[in-house]
Amino acid sequence: MQFPNAYFITGTAYAGKSTMVRLLAEKHGGIACEENYHDRLLPELDSATFPCVTYTRDLEDWHDFIRRTPEAYEAWFDGAARECEALELRMLPEICAQGRPVFVDTNISLATLGRITPHGHVLVMLADPTVSVNRFFERPDRDKQFLYRLIMEESDPAYAMENYRRGLERINSRERYDRFLNAGFNVILRDEDRTVEETLALAERAFGLCP
């Protein structure tokens, strides 16, 4: 195993992955590799080698991002995930060498995770696919609100929103959800009635971090 002190959280959107990575690192004196932590490498990347990751870096008109067909959006999403996996595997040896627990909001595939870290160091967090799609723009984070503004600037905002949501539906499909659910790793399902503290306790138990 390559990363015995790393704990990986994967899954679907709106499941609480970023929150858990941050809180686990704070509580256990660890390092938080939060969503898109590999972006620090972005300025140096070659677009021919990493065409999906650098797509947004080199984009001249961000309206083109939200105008893509659902099929093109899905292909870009999957391509970016593969490229991000390569970047994470490039960065993690140095991060883990610091000796502290490392908590990672990861793009690394389920198959790769099964090879590089102990089974109990992978946690899958899932939100119902309809939640991941319908509540996407409810998040206050800057990136999602920026995309929402772009959609509202289109000549036909209703069509633009429907087109973008169809892309979200493809990357948050029931098939993808079931693939995560049945991968054999510990799973936490989003529960609106559960507190953040309760979810944190579940994550600690899944990772074997309870006292």
Protein backbone atom coordinates (compact mmCIF):
# COMPACT_ATOMS: atom_id res chain seq x y z
CA MET A 1 0.00 0.00 0.00
CA GLN A 2 1.35 3.42 -0.98
CA PHE A 3 -0.49 5.76 1.38
CA PRO A 4 -1.00 4.14 4.81
CA ASN A 5 -1.63 7.51 6.53
CA ALA A 6 -4.11 8.83 3.96
CA TYR A 7 -7.90 8.67 4.30
CA PHE A 8 -9.90 9.13 1.12
CA ILE A 9 -13.48 10.34 0.78
CA THR A 10 -15.20 9.87 -2.55
CA GLY A 11 -18.80 9.82 -3.75
CA THR A 12 -21.40 12.10 -5.25
CA ALA A 13 -22.10 15.81 -5.12
CA TYR A 14 -23.87 17.37 -2.16
CA ALA A 15 -22.98 14.47 0.15
CA GLY A 16 -20.75 16.45 2.55
CA LYS A 17 -17.32 15.22 1.44
CA SER A 18 -15.54 18.57 1.69
CA THR A 19 -17.00 19.28 5.13
CA MET A 20 -15.88 15.92 6.47
CA VAL A 21 -12.35 16.29 5.08
CA ARG A 22 -11.99 19.66 6.77
CA LEU A 23 -13.45 18.59 10.12
CA LEU A 24 -11.50 15.34 10.28
CA ALA A 25 -8.24 17.16 9.62
CA GLU A 26 -9.04 19.75 12.28
CA LYS A 27 -9.95 17.18 14.91
CA HIS A 28 -7.15 14.72 14.25
CA GLY A 29 -4.27 17.10 13.60
CA GLY A 30 -4.16 16.14 9.96
CA ILE A 31 -3.77 17.71 6.54
CA ALA A 32 -6.91 18.53 4.57
CA CYS A 33 -6.66 17.97 0.83
CA GLU A 34 -9.93 19.65 0.00
CA GLU A 35 -11.90 19.68 -3.26
CA ASN A 36 -9.66 20.45 -6.24
CA TYR A 37 -6.53 20.68 -4.10
CA HIS A 38 -4.59 19.67 -7.20
CA ASP A 39 -5.43 23.05 -8.76
CA ARG A 40 -2.14 24.33 -7.33
CA LEU A 41 -0.47 22.48 -10.22
CA LEU A 42 -2.74 24.03 -12.84
CA PRO A 43 -0.47 26.87 -14.03
CA GLU A 44 2.29 24.46 -15.04
CA LEU A 45 0.18 21.86 -16.83
CA ASP A 46 0.45 21.21 -20.56
CA SER A 47 -2.92 21.39 -22.29
CA ALA A 48 -2.02 18.55 -24.66
CA THR A 49 -1.42 16.19 -21.73
CA PHE A 50 -4.22 17.49 -19.52
CA PRO A 51 -6.85 18.80 -21.95
CA CYS A 52 -9.80 18.46 -19.58
CA VAL A 53 -8.19 19.96 -16.48
CA THR A 54 -6.81 22.89 -18.47
CA TYR A 55 -10.06 23.46 -20.37
CA THR A 56 -11.33 26.00 -17.85
CA ARG A 57 -7.89 27.51 -17.35
CA ASP A 58 -7.67 28.38 -21.05
CA LEU A 59 -11.34 29.17 -21.61
CA GLU A 60 -11.85 32.58 -23.21
CA ASP A 61 -15.62 32.83 -22.80
CA TRP A 62 -17.10 31.02 -19.79
CA HIS A 63 -20.51 31.01 -21.44
CA ASP A 64 -19.12 28.23 -23.65
CA PHE A 65 -18.77 26.12 -20.50
CA ILE A 66 -22.50 26.14 -19.75
CA ARG A 67 -23.56 25.91 -23.42
CA ARG A 68 -22.06 22.46 -24.00
CA THR A 69 -24.35 19.53 -24.70
CA PRO A 70 -25.03 17.16 -21.78
CA GLU A 71 -22.98 14.51 -23.59
CA ALA A 72 -20.01 16.86 -23.96
CA TYR A 73 -20.31 17.89 -20.32
CA GLU A 74 -20.25 14.26 -19.18
CA ALA A 75 -17.25 13.44 -21.37
CA TRP A 76 -15.35 16.44 -19.98
CA PHE A 77 -16.26 15.50 -16.39
CA ASP A 78 -15.02 11.93 -16.79
CA GLY A 79 -11.88 13.05 -18.58
CA ALA A 80 -11.11 15.58 -15.87
CA ALA A 81 -11.55 12.92 -13.18
CA ARG A 82 -8.96 10.70 -14.89
CA GLU A 83 -6.52 13.59 -15.23
CA CYS A 84 -7.09 14.67 -11.63
CA GLU A 85 -6.29 11.14 -10.48
CA ALA A 86 -2.90 11.40 -12.16
CA LEU A 87 -2.26 14.74 -10.48
CA GLU A 88 -3.30 13.50 -7.07
CA LEU A 89 -1.02 10.49 -7.34
CA ARG A 90 1.78 12.88 -8.24
CA MET A 91 1.17 15.08 -5.19
CA LEU A 92 0.26 12.62 -2.46
CA PRO A 93 3.69 11.07 -1.81
CA GLU A 94 5.11 14.42 -0.71
CA ILE A 95 2.01 15.29 1.31
CA CYS A 96 1.90 11.95 3.09
CA ALA A 97 5.64 12.08 3.78
CA GLN A 98 4.95 14.78 6.38
CA GLY A 99 3.82 11.98 8.68
CA ARG A 100 0.47 13.43 9.69
CA PRO A 101 -2.93 11.94 8.82
CA VAL A 102 -4.02 13.14 5.38
CA PHE A 103 -7.72 13.48 4.57
CA VAL A 104 -8.47 13.67 0.87
CA ASP A 105 -11.57 14.77 -1.05
CA THR A 106 -10.55 12.65 -3.99
CA ASN A 107 -11.13 12.10 -7.70
CA ILE A 108 -9.16 8.86 -7.63
CA SER A 109 -11.17 5.97 -9.07
CA LEU A 110 -12.59 3.21 -6.91
CA ALA A 111 -10.37 0.64 -8.63
CA THR A 112 -7.21 2.64 -7.95
CA LEU A 113 -8.18 3.34 -4.35
CA GLY A 114 -8.52 -0.38 -3.80
CA ARG A 115 -4.86 -0.80 -4.79
CA ILE A 116 -3.15 2.14 -3.09
CA THR A 117 -4.59 2.33 0.41
CA PRO A 118 -6.00 0.02 3.09
CA HIS A 119 -9.65 -0.87 2.51
CA GLY A 120 -10.73 0.89 5.70
CA HIS A 121 -9.14 4.14 4.53
CA VAL A 122 -11.79 4.74 1.87
CA LEU A 123 -15.19 6.23 2.65
CA VAL A 124 -17.98 6.71 0.13
CA MET A 125 -20.43 9.55 0.80
CA LEU A 126 -23.60 9.67 -1.26
CA ALA A 127 -26.51 12.02 -1.79
CA ASP A 128 -29.58 10.94 -3.70
CA PRO A 129 -29.03 11.79 -7.39
CA THR A 130 -32.08 14.06 -7.42
CA VAL A 131 -30.62 16.07 -4.55
CA SER A 132 -27.27 16.39 -6.30
CA VAL A 133 -29.01 17.84 -9.35
CA ASN A 134 -31.89 19.86 -7.95
CA ARG A 135 -29.93 21.53 -5.15
CA PHE A 136 -26.73 22.14 -7.08
CA PHE A 137 -27.16 25.91 -7.20
CA GLU A 138 -28.29 26.22 -3.58
CA ARG A 139 -24.70 26.07 -2.42
CA PRO A 140 -23.30 29.50 -1.54
CA ASP A 141 -19.82 28.74 -2.88
CA ARG A 142 -18.47 31.17 -5.42
CA ASP A 143 -17.99 28.74 -8.33
CA LYS A 144 -21.57 27.53 -8.40
CA GLN A 145 -23.01 31.02 -8.04
CA PHE A 146 -20.76 32.14 -10.91
CA LEU A 147 -22.20 29.39 -13.12
CA TYR A 148 -25.72 30.36 -12.09
CA ARG A 149 -25.07 33.97 -13.14
CA LEU A 150 -23.75 32.80 -16.51
CA ILE A 151 -26.90 30.79 -17.10
CA MET A 152 -29.09 33.75 -16.16
CA GLU A 153 -27.19 35.92 -18.67
CA GLU A 154 -28.13 33.66 -21.59
CA SER A 155 -30.72 34.86 -24.09
CA ASP A 156 -32.97 31.97 -23.00
CA PRO A 157 -32.11 31.29 -19.33
CA ALA A 158 -34.77 28.60 -18.97
CA TYR A 159 -33.32 26.59 -21.85
CA ALA A 160 -29.77 27.17 -20.60
CA MET A 161 -30.70 25.94 -17.13
CA GLU A 162 -32.46 22.86 -18.50
CA ASN A 163 -29.47 22.07 -20.72
CA TYR A 164 -27.06 22.38 -17.80
CA ARG A 165 -29.27 20.29 -15.51
CA ARG A 166 -29.35 17.52 -18.10
CA GLY A 167 -25.56 17.45 -17.89
CA LEU A 168 -25.77 17.29 -14.11
CA GLU A 169 -28.21 14.40 -14.40
CA ARG A 170 -25.72 12.47 -16.51
CA ILE A 171 -22.87 12.84 -14.01
CA ASN A 172 -25.19 12.20 -11.06
CA SER A 173 -27.04 9.25 -12.56
CA ARG A 174 -28.48 6.35 -10.60
CA GLU A 175 -25.98 4.08 -12.35
CA ARG A 176 -23.05 6.08 -10.99
CA TYR A 177 -24.66 6.20 -7.56
CA ASP A 178 -25.10 2.43 -7.51
CA ARG A 179 -21.50 1.93 -8.61
CA PHE A 180 -20.31 3.82 -5.54
CA LEU A 181 -22.86 2.17 -3.26
CA ASN A 182 -21.86 -1.34 -4.27
CA ALA A 183 -18.08 -0.84 -4.43
CA GLY A 184 -17.53 -2.63 -1.13
CA PHE A 185 -16.25 0.36 0.88
CA ASN A 186 -17.85 1.96 3.92
CA VAL A 187 -20.75 4.20 2.91
CA ILE A 188 -22.48 7.18 4.52
CA LEU A 189 -25.77 8.25 2.95
CA ARG A 190 -26.86 11.87 3.21
CA ASP A 191 -29.52 12.29 5.90
CA GLU A 192 -31.12 15.71 6.37
CA ASP A 193 -32.05 14.79 9.95
CA ARG A 194 -28.47 13.98 10.98
CA THR A 195 -26.24 16.72 12.38
CA VAL A 196 -22.77 17.48 11.07
CA GLU A 197 -21.36 16.24 14.37
CA GLU A 198 -23.20 12.95 14.00
CA THR A 199 -21.91 12.54 10.46
CA LEU A 200 -18.39 13.28 11.69
CA ALA A 201 -18.74 10.52 14.27
CA LEU A 202 -19.84 8.10 11.54
CA ALA A 203 -16.84 9.04 9.40
CA GLU A 204 -14.48 8.54 12.33
CA ARG A 205 -15.97 5.12 12.98
CA ALA A 206 -15.66 4.18 9.32
CA PHE A 207 -11.98 5.15 9.33
CA GLY A 208 -11.26 3.52 12.69
CA LEU A 209 -10.39 6.86 14.26
CA CYS A 210 -12.63 6.56 17.32
CA PRO A 211 -10.86 6.54 20.70
